[in-house]
């Protein structure tokens, strides 16, 4: 749950609704390529990007969680993550729209996807709307409730939705030509290098859970008793591209059964499971506080479904819902919490990195020491402080120092060496000789 947005407060509900309408768009990094506006529907097989004026962006090169992300198109250029699309006209006047050889599709639940073959839901009507200077894209084979036509619209991301009445600008798009040979030389429909999702976790194996956007692993549960979340632990990739989990990252033992996963953490002899808050009924509608915490008792709320996406997997809870939408885990505002997916894949893409737990702590032991020292003067003793980033129960802490690279000297029996309770960090002062 996002602590700064309390859905239980009526006044802030308005703020939530306003914020939900703000654009969620990814800014491209790396090299970008020029695009040129077309005055007609693209010719068969012509490489194009699909642009939305309200989004100030173009379709991404992947479909995740039932929608397609929006990639910023600054100065009429398409950058990393943007999709290269092609239209092919069918004999019945409809079009196939493909990206990297995969067919853009929708189902009756209004979920967009990219399919390997031309299944039902992959034929589209593309019609000009002169008053808006663009084209609507509606499905020619699938309807919502077998009654309402399904269109593509821009709302935080590109989604399938019904349209009642005349189209507005969020339902209209323009086509821009792009040089496929330079922008997409490997023909996968994705400009730049597509982030790898990694492997699904294997039952009985231990992992840390990492979100690349937040550069963080799941850590301990927060101390907020009302709206708990999972604290992030800063983590980084080493020179070889391998993850180095930060100190205190939770180590999960994964179990899979029937397509659902549990993530168990055992610390201090107690095993708890990653869980989401329970559903409630508010004014006849399903609601959820979307909090995230560790729970000793297993239930449907400790079961998670993993859906592959660009750069990882979306972790959906089996039963938790907000309205008709399943609750998933996202990284937002320096916390891992529950939320409903809105098209920002980078917030919800989680990777599972195998680790070992040699000490049986249930978390990564990778402490660091930060030293703070002031100016030193010759012949004058001084003190400096250091902080030990350590979560275990310290019973013996020793320190030593050296002068000008000389032999190390131990600090003899400091009075603070033994403590009976663990602490996330410790600051100490030590006497030392000037360097």
Protein backbone atom coordinates (compact mmCIF):
# COMPACT_ATOMS: atom_id res chain seq x y z
CA UNK A 1 0.00 0.00 0.00
CA UNK A 2 1.30 3.43 -0.84
CA UNK A 3 1.54 5.10 2.53
CA UNK A 4 0.95 8.56 1.15
CA UNK A 5 -2.32 7.55 -0.53
CA UNK A 6 -4.90 6.32 1.98
CA UNK A 7 -7.78 4.94 0.02
CA UNK A 8 -9.85 4.85 3.18
CA UNK A 9 -9.97 8.64 3.27
CA UNK A 10 -12.65 10.03 1.02
CA UNK A 11 -10.86 13.29 0.34
CA UNK A 12 -7.69 11.54 -0.77
CA UNK A 13 -9.70 9.28 -3.04
CA UNK A 14 -10.10 12.28 -5.29
CA UNK A 15 -6.34 12.74 -5.33
CA UNK A 16 -5.89 9.09 -6.23
CA UNK A 17 -8.29 9.46 -9.15
CA UNK A 18 -6.48 12.54 -10.42
CA UNK A 19 -3.08 10.92 -10.10
CA UNK A 20 -4.33 7.86 -11.96
CA UNK A 21 -5.07 10.06 -14.94
CA UNK A 22 -1.56 11.44 -15.18
CA UNK A 23 0.60 9.99 -17.97
CA UNK A 24 2.76 7.00 -17.10
CA UNK A 25 5.43 7.07 -19.75
CA UNK A 26 8.93 5.68 -20.03
CA UNK A 27 11.69 7.91 -21.32
CA UNK A 28 13.98 6.14 -23.73
CA UNK A 29 17.63 5.72 -22.89
CA UNK A 30 20.45 5.10 -25.31
CA UNK A 31 20.34 5.62 -29.07
CA UNK A 32 17.22 6.91 -30.81
CA UNK A 33 16.05 6.94 -34.43
CA UNK A 34 14.15 9.50 -36.55
CA UNK A 35 10.51 8.87 -37.43
CA UNK A 36 8.42 10.42 -40.22
CA UNK A 37 4.66 10.93 -40.09
CA UNK A 38 2.58 9.12 -42.72
CA UNK A 39 -0.53 10.64 -44.28
CA UNK A 40 -2.16 7.27 -44.90
CA UNK A 41 -2.40 3.77 -43.45
CA UNK A 42 1.03 2.13 -43.86
CA UNK A 43 1.67 -0.10 -46.84
CA UNK A 44 1.82 -3.83 -46.19
CA UNK A 45 5.02 -4.71 -44.37
CA UNK A 46 6.15 -1.11 -43.89
CA UNK A 47 7.98 -0.58 -40.59
CA UNK A 48 6.24 2.01 -38.42
CA UNK A 49 5.82 3.19 -34.87
CA UNK A 50 2.33 3.92 -33.54
CA UNK A 51 2.04 7.36 -31.93
CA UNK A 52 -0.48 8.85 -29.49
CA UNK A 53 -0.65 12.61 -29.05
CA UNK A 54 -2.17 12.46 -25.50
CA UNK A 55 0.66 10.13 -24.48
CA UNK A 56 3.33 12.14 -26.33
CA UNK A 57 4.66 8.67 -26.94
CA UNK A 58 4.56 5.48 -28.96
CA UNK A 59 3.69 1.83 -28.45
CA UNK A 60 6.36 -0.18 -26.64
CA UNK A 61 7.80 -3.31 -28.20
CA UNK A 62 6.16 -5.66 -25.71
CA UNK A 63 2.76 -6.36 -24.15
CA UNK A 64 2.79 -6.97 -20.40
CA UNK A 65 -0.03 -7.48 -17.94
CA UNK A 66 -2.67 -7.00 -20.63
CA UNK A 67 -1.43 -3.61 -21.84
CA UNK A 68 1.34 -2.00 -23.87
CA UNK A 69 3.63 0.59 -22.34
CA UNK A 70 4.13 4.09 -23.69
CA UNK A 71 7.64 5.17 -24.72
CA UNK A 72 8.37 8.89 -24.98
CA UNK A 73 8.97 10.13 -28.54
CA UNK A 74 11.03 13.25 -28.04
CA UNK A 75 11.89 15.42 -31.05
CA UNK A 76 10.23 12.89 -33.38
CA UNK A 77 12.64 10.11 -32.49
CA UNK A 78 12.00 6.56 -31.26
CA UNK A 79 14.31 5.20 -28.59
CA UNK A 80 14.99 2.13 -26.53
CA UNK A 81 11.95 0.06 -25.68
CA UNK A 82 9.80 1.40 -28.53
CA UNK A 83 8.11 -1.12 -30.80
CA UNK A 84 8.53 -1.47 -34.55
CA UNK A 85 5.15 -2.54 -35.98
CA UNK A 86 3.88 -3.65 -39.38
CA UNK A 87 0.36 -3.73 -40.81
CA UNK A 88 -0.86 -6.34 -43.28
CA UNK A 89 -4.24 -5.88 -45.00
CA UNK A 90 -6.49 -8.93 -45.18
CA UNK A 91 -8.94 -9.77 -47.96
CA UNK A 92 -11.87 -8.75 -45.74
CA UNK A 93 -10.46 -5.25 -45.23
CA UNK A 94 -9.19 -5.88 -41.70
CA UNK A 95 -5.54 -5.72 -40.69
CA UNK A 96 -3.04 -7.81 -38.85
CA UNK A 97 -0.75 -5.65 -36.72
CA UNK A 98 2.52 -7.39 -35.89
CA UNK A 99 5.58 -6.59 -33.80
CA UNK A 100 8.64 -8.76 -34.30
CA UNK A 101 6.49 -11.31 -36.12
CA UNK A 102 4.00 -11.56 -33.24
CA UNK A 103 0.35 -10.64 -33.73
CA UNK A 104 -1.30 -7.90 -31.68
CA UNK A 105 -4.42 -9.41 -30.10
CA UNK A 106 -7.12 -8.80 -27.54
CA UNK A 107 -9.53 -11.13 -25.76
CA UNK A 108 -13.04 -10.54 -24.48
CA UNK A 109 -11.58 -9.51 -21.12
CA UNK A 110 -9.92 -6.57 -22.94
CA UNK A 111 -6.36 -7.79 -22.39
CA UNK A 112 -3.82 -6.91 -25.07
CA UNK A 113 -1.13 -9.42 -25.97
CA UNK A 114 1.33 -10.37 -28.69
CA UNK A 115 0.61 -13.84 -30.04
CA UNK A 116 2.85 -16.20 -32.01
CA UNK A 117 0.05 -17.05 -34.47
CA UNK A 118 -3.02 -15.35 -35.92
CA UNK A 119 -5.64 -16.52 -33.41
CA UNK A 120 -9.11 -15.08 -32.85
CA UNK A 121 -8.74 -11.49 -31.74
CA UNK A 122 -5.79 -10.64 -34.00
CA UNK A 123 -7.80 -8.93 -36.77
CA UNK A 124 -8.23 -5.15 -36.45
CA UNK A 125 -10.24 -2.41 -38.12
CA UNK A 126 -8.19 0.73 -38.81
CA UNK A 127 -10.38 3.73 -39.62
CA UNK A 128 -9.51 7.36 -40.25
CA UNK A 129 -11.00 10.09 -38.04
CA UNK A 130 -10.36 13.25 -40.03
CA UNK A 131 -11.52 15.62 -37.29
CA UNK A 132 -8.85 14.24 -34.96
CA UNK A 133 -6.14 13.74 -37.55
CA UNK A 134 -5.60 10.08 -36.81
CA UNK A 135 -6.96 6.53 -36.85
CA UNK A 136 -8.97 4.38 -34.50
CA UNK A 137 -7.91 0.75 -33.99
CA UNK A 138 -10.78 -1.57 -33.03
CA UNK A 139 -10.94 -5.34 -32.94
CA UNK A 140 -12.83 -7.05 -35.74
CA UNK A 141 -13.35 -10.43 -34.05
CA UNK A 142 -13.88 -10.00 -30.31
CA UNK A 143 -16.40 -7.93 -28.37
CA UNK A 144 -16.82 -7.20 -24.68
CA UNK A 145 -19.81 -9.19 -23.38
CA UNK A 146 -20.34 -10.17 -27.03
CA UNK A 147 -21.89 -6.73 -27.46
CA UNK A 148 -19.48 -3.81 -27.27
CA UNK A 149 -16.68 -3.13 -29.73
CA UNK A 150 -13.20 -3.10 -28.23
CA UNK A 151 -10.86 -0.25 -29.15
CA UNK A 152 -7.29 0.56 -28.22
CA UNK A 153 -7.02 3.65 -26.05
CA UNK A 154 -4.33 5.50 -24.12
CA UNK A 155 -4.90 5.63 -20.36
CA UNK A 156 -1.61 5.49 -18.42
CA UNK A 157 -0.62 2.88 -20.99
CA UNK A 158 -2.16 1.50 -24.19
CA UNK A 159 -5.13 -0.68 -23.29
CA UNK A 160 -8.13 -2.36 -24.88
CA UNK A 161 -11.41 -0.71 -23.90
CA UNK A 162 -14.96 -0.20 -25.09
CA UNK A 163 -16.05 3.02 -26.75
CA UNK A 164 -19.52 4.47 -26.44
CA UNK A 165 -20.19 7.44 -28.65
CA UNK A 166 -17.72 9.25 -30.87
CA UNK A 167 -13.98 8.67 -30.48
CA UNK A 168 -11.80 11.18 -28.68
CA UNK A 169 -8.08 11.81 -28.95
CA UNK A 170 -7.20 9.00 -26.52
CA UNK A 171 -8.67 6.55 -29.09
CA UNK A 172 -6.84 7.95 -32.12
CA UNK A 173 -3.32 7.21 -33.32
CA UNK A 174 -0.88 8.22 -36.04
CA UNK A 175 1.61 6.09 -37.92
CA UNK A 176 5.22 7.16 -38.32
CA UNK A 177 7.67 5.45 -40.65
CA UNK A 178 11.00 4.25 -39.26
CA UNK A 179 14.07 2.69 -40.88
CA UNK A 180 13.86 -0.92 -39.75
CA UNK A 181 17.41 -1.77 -40.86
CA UNK A 182 18.96 0.69 -38.40
CA UNK A 183 16.36 0.77 -35.61
CA UNK A 184 15.54 -2.95 -35.45
CA UNK A 185 18.30 -4.87 -37.26
CA UNK A 186 17.46 -8.20 -35.59
CA UNK A 187 13.78 -7.91 -36.44
CA UNK A 188 12.43 -8.65 -32.96
CA UNK A 189 10.25 -5.52 -33.00
CA UNK A 190 12.02 -4.04 -29.97
CA UNK A 191 14.33 -1.05 -30.36
CA UNK A 192 17.47 -1.64 -28.30
CA UNK A 193 18.21 -4.69 -26.18
CA UNK A 194 15.11 -6.26 -24.70
CA UNK A 195 15.58 -6.87 -20.94
CA UNK A 196 15.68 -10.54 -20.02
CA UNK A 197 13.03 -11.88 -17.69
CA UNK A 198 15.22 -14.56 -16.11
CA UNK A 199 13.98 -17.95 -15.01
CA UNK A 200 10.98 -18.91 -12.93
CA UNK A 201 11.90 -19.97 -9.39
CA UNK A 202 12.31 -23.71 -8.79
CA UNK A 203 10.38 -25.31 -5.96
CA UNK A 204 12.54 -26.00 -2.91
CA UNK A 205 15.24 -23.48 -3.90
CA UNK A 206 16.22 -20.29 -2.05
CA UNK A 207 16.08 -16.86 -3.72
CA UNK A 208 16.21 -13.15 -3.20
CA UNK A 209 13.60 -11.11 -5.10
CA UNK A 210 15.03 -8.17 -7.03
CA UNK A 211 13.50 -5.19 -8.83
CA UNK A 212 15.89 -3.58 -11.30
CA UNK A 213 14.08 -0.24 -11.43
CA UNK A 214 14.40 0.22 -7.67
CA UNK A 215 17.86 -1.44 -7.61
CA UNK A 216 16.60 -3.23 -4.51
CA UNK A 217 15.74 -6.65 -3.08
CA UNK A 218 12.88 -7.46 -0.74
CA UNK A 219 14.04 -6.88 2.84
CA UNK A 220 12.26 -6.99 6.19
CA UNK A 221 8.67 -6.00 6.91
CA UNK A 222 8.20 -2.34 7.76
CA UNK A 223 7.25 -1.28 11.29
CA UNK A 224 4.02 0.37 10.14
CA UNK A 225 1.33 -1.65 11.92
CA UNK A 226 -1.52 -0.02 9.96
CA UNK A 227 -0.16 -0.21 6.41
CA UNK A 228 2.78 -2.61 6.41
CA UNK A 229 5.00 -3.02 3.37
CA UNK A 230 8.31 -4.72 2.64
CA UNK A 231 11.38 -2.54 3.05
CA UNK A 232 13.76 -2.41 0.08
CA UNK A 233 17.43 -3.35 0.46
CA UNK A 234 19.75 -1.55 -1.94
CA UNK A 235 21.49 -4.09 -4.18
CA UNK A 236 23.70 -3.81 -7.24
CA UNK A 237 25.14 -5.69 -10.18
CA UNK A 238 28.88 -6.42 -10.12
CA UNK A 239 31.28 -6.02 -13.07
CA UNK A 240 30.25 -9.45 -14.37
CA UNK A 241 26.55 -8.58 -14.36
CA UNK A 242 25.78 -10.71 -11.30
CA UNK A 243 23.54 -9.44 -8.53
CA UNK A 244 25.17 -8.64 -5.18
CA UNK A 245 22.24 -8.61 -2.71
CA UNK A 246 22.50 -5.97 -0.03
CA UNK A 247 22.83 -6.74 3.65
CA UNK A 248 19.49 -7.78 5.10
CA UNK A 249 17.82 -8.91 1.88
CA UNK A 250 15.26 -11.57 2.78
CA UNK A 251 16.00 -15.09 1.60
CA UNK A 252 12.89 -16.92 0.43
CA UNK A 253 12.38 -20.64 0.12
CA UNK A 254 10.03 -21.12 -2.81
CA UNK A 255 7.36 -23.79 -3.16
CA UNK A 256 5.24 -24.24 -6.27
CA UNK A 257 2.01 -26.22 -6.53
CA UNK A 258 -0.70 -26.02 -9.17
CA UNK A 259 0.83 -22.96 -10.79
CA UNK A 260 0.92 -20.92 -7.58
CA UNK A 261 3.99 -20.04 -5.54
CA UNK A 262 4.64 -19.46 -1.85
CA UNK A 263 7.61 -17.47 -0.59
CA UNK A 264 8.67 -18.49 2.91
CA UNK A 265 11.20 -16.73 5.15
CA UNK A 266 12.59 -18.45 8.24
CA UNK A 267 14.19 -16.11 10.77
CA UNK A 268 14.92 -16.75 14.44
CA UNK A 269 13.30 -20.17 14.13
CA UNK A 270 9.96 -18.84 12.86
CA UNK A 271 8.73 -19.38 9.31
CA UNK A 272 6.50 -16.74 7.73
CA UNK A 273 5.01 -16.38 4.26
CA UNK A 274 4.80 -13.38 1.95
CA UNK A 275 1.16 -12.31 2.11
CA UNK A 276 -1.27 -9.64 0.97
CA UNK A 277 -4.13 -8.08 2.93
CA UNK A 278 -7.59 -9.62 2.68
CA UNK A 279 -10.43 -8.40 0.50
CA UNK A 280 -13.20 -6.28 1.94
CA UNK A 281 -16.56 -5.22 0.60
CA UNK A 282 -17.10 -1.45 0.54
CA UNK A 283 -20.39 -0.10 -0.82
CA UNK A 284 -20.99 -3.42 -2.53
CA UNK A 285 -17.62 -3.43 -4.27
CA UNK A 286 -14.50 -5.47 -3.62
CA UNK A 287 -11.74 -3.44 -2.03
CA UNK A 288 -8.34 -4.21 -0.57
CA UNK A 289 -5.88 -2.24 1.56
CA UNK A 290 -3.10 -3.65 -0.66
CA UNK A 291 -0.67 -4.06 2.22
CA UNK A 292 2.23 -6.50 2.07
CA UNK A 293 3.64 -8.39 5.05
CA UNK A 294 4.90 -11.73 6.40
CA UNK A 295 2.25 -14.08 7.81
CA UNK A 296 2.76 -17.26 9.85
CA UNK A 297 -0.45 -18.90 8.61
CA UNK A 298 -0.72 -20.05 5.01
CA UNK A 299 -3.84 -19.13 3.04
CA UNK A 300 -4.91 -18.15 -0.46
CA UNK A 301 -3.44 -14.73 0.35
CA UNK A 302 0.03 -16.28 0.61
CA UNK A 303 -0.25 -17.76 -2.89
CA UNK A 304 1.19 -15.90 -5.88
CA UNK A 305 0.84 -16.29 -9.63
CA UNK A 306 3.87 -15.30 -11.72
CA UNK A 307 3.30 -13.77 -15.14
CA UNK A 308 6.30 -13.23 -17.40
CA UNK A 309 6.87 -9.64 -18.49
CA UNK A 310 9.65 -7.53 -19.95
CA UNK A 311 12.54 -7.66 -17.49
CA UNK A 312 11.06 -10.10 -14.98
CA UNK A 313 7.78 -11.46 -13.66
CA UNK A 314 4.65 -9.77 -12.31
CA UNK A 315 3.70 -11.25 -8.93
CA UNK A 316 -0.12 -11.42 -8.75
CA UNK A 317 -1.85 -12.53 -5.58
CA UNK A 318 -4.18 -15.48 -6.10
CA UNK A 319 -7.29 -13.88 -4.57
CA UNK A 320 -6.56 -10.27 -3.53
CA UNK A 321 -8.43 -7.79 -5.70
CA UNK A 322 -9.16 -4.10 -5.87
CA UNK A 323 -12.40 -3.86 -7.79
CA UNK A 324 -12.09 -6.33 -10.66
CA UNK A 325 -8.29 -6.08 -10.81
CA UNK A 326 -5.88 -8.52 -9.20
CA UNK A 327 -3.42 -7.06 -6.72
CA UNK A 328 0.23 -7.42 -7.65
CA UNK A 329 3.49 -6.31 -6.02
CA UNK A 330 5.19 -3.13 -7.12
CA UNK A 331 8.15 -1.00 -6.10
CA UNK A 332 6.95 2.51 -5.35
CA UNK A 333 8.08 5.32 -3.07
CA UNK A 334 10.93 3.29 -1.56
CA UNK A 335 8.79 0.30 -0.59
CA UNK A 336 7.44 -2.96 -1.96
CA UNK A 337 3.67 -2.96 -1.62
CA UNK A 338 0.47 -4.12 -3.26
CA UNK A 339 -1.14 -2.27 -6.15
CA UNK A 340 -3.04 -2.92 -9.35
CA UNK A 341 -0.98 -3.01 -12.52
CA UNK A 342 -1.29 0.17 -14.61
CA UNK A 343 1.18 -0.47 -17.40
CA UNK A 344 4.43 0.60 -15.69
CA UNK A 345 6.24 -2.70 -16.13
CA UNK A 346 9.48 -1.47 -14.57
CA UNK A 347 7.71 -1.08 -11.21
CA UNK A 348 6.35 -4.62 -11.14
CA UNK A 349 9.04 -6.67 -12.93
CA UNK A 350 10.63 -8.92 -10.30
CA UNK A 351 13.56 -11.27 -10.81
CA UNK A 352 14.36 -14.34 -8.73
CA UNK A 353 18.08 -14.72 -8.04
CA UNK A 354 19.28 -17.98 -6.42
CA UNK A 355 21.27 -17.61 -3.19
CA UNK A 356 22.41 -19.74 -0.28
CA UNK A 357 21.82 -19.18 3.42
CA UNK A 358 24.92 -20.75 5.04
CA UNK A 359 24.17 -19.34 8.50
CA UNK A 360 20.45 -20.07 8.48
CA UNK A 361 19.60 -16.42 9.13
CA UNK A 362 16.83 -16.04 6.58
CA UNK A 363 18.50 -12.95 5.17
CA UNK A 364 21.68 -12.02 3.35
CA UNK A 365 24.71 -11.40 5.54
CA UNK A 366 26.72 -8.80 3.68
CA UNK A 367 27.59 -6.08 6.20
CA UNK A 368 29.44 -2.90 5.39
CA UNK A 369 31.22 -0.30 7.53
CA UNK A 370 30.90 3.44 6.94
CA UNK A 371 33.58 5.56 8.65
CA UNK A 372 33.21 9.24 9.44
CA UNK A 373 36.44 11.02 10.41
CA UNK A 374 37.20 14.69 10.85
CA UNK A 375 40.47 16.52 10.21
CA UNK A 376 43.49 15.19 12.08
CA UNK A 377 46.34 17.23 13.57
CA UNK A 378 49.82 15.93 14.31
CA UNK A 379 50.38 15.12 17.93
CA UNK A 380 46.74 15.47 18.87
CA UNK A 381 44.55 12.45 19.59
CA UNK A 382 41.17 12.38 17.90
CA UNK A 383 38.14 10.20 17.64
CA UNK A 384 36.18 8.95 14.67
CA UNK A 385 32.89 7.12 14.38
CA UNK A 386 31.79 4.21 12.24
CA UNK A 387 28.44 2.62 11.45
CA UNK A 388 28.15 -1.13 11.04
CA UNK A 389 25.37 -2.08 8.64
CA UNK A 390 24.54 -5.32 10.41
CA UNK A 391 21.29 -7.06 11.32
CA UNK A 392 22.55 -10.04 13.29
CA UNK A 393 22.91 -10.25 17.04
CA UNK A 394 26.43 -8.97 17.64
CA UNK A 395 28.21 -10.53 20.58
CA UNK A 396 31.82 -9.70 19.74
CA UNK A 397 32.92 -6.71 17.68
CA UNK A 398 36.64 -6.01 17.29
CA UNK A 399 38.41 -3.10 15.62
CA UNK A 400 41.96 -2.28 14.66
CA UNK A 401 43.80 0.58 13.00
CA UNK A 402 47.14 1.27 11.36
CA UNK A 403 49.21 4.40 10.82
CA UNK A 404 50.79 5.16 7.44
CA UNK A 405 50.33 1.58 6.32
CA UNK A 406 52.10 0.17 9.36
CA UNK A 407 51.17 -2.85 11.42
CA UNK A 408 47.56 -3.07 12.52
CA UNK A 409 46.87 -2.24 16.16
CA UNK A 410 43.88 -3.65 17.98
CA UNK A 411 41.60 -1.50 20.06
CA UNK A 412 41.71 -3.34 23.36
CA UNK A 413 38.47 -4.54 24.93
CA UNK A 414 36.13 -1.69 24.05
CA UNK A 415 33.23 -1.38 26.47
CA UNK A 416 30.69 -1.55 23.64
CA UNK A 417 31.84 -4.87 22.24
CA UNK A 418 28.97 -6.93 23.70
CA UNK A 419 25.31 -6.18 23.15
CA UNK A 420 22.28 -8.30 24.01
CA UNK A 421 19.91 -7.05 21.33
CA UNK A 422 20.37 -6.66 17.57
CA UNK A 423 20.16 -3.27 15.91
CA UNK A 424 19.97 -2.32 12.23
CA UNK A 425 22.99 -0.03 12.61
CA UNK A 426 25.50 0.97 15.26
CA UNK A 427 27.57 4.11 15.60
CA UNK A 428 30.71 3.93 17.79
CA UNK A 429 33.54 6.26 18.69
CA UNK A 430 37.09 5.01 18.77
CA UNK A 431 40.28 6.68 19.98
CA UNK A 432 42.99 6.74 17.35
CA UNK A 433 46.36 8.18 16.58
CA UNK A 434 46.65 10.70 13.78
CA UNK A 435 47.56 9.23 10.43
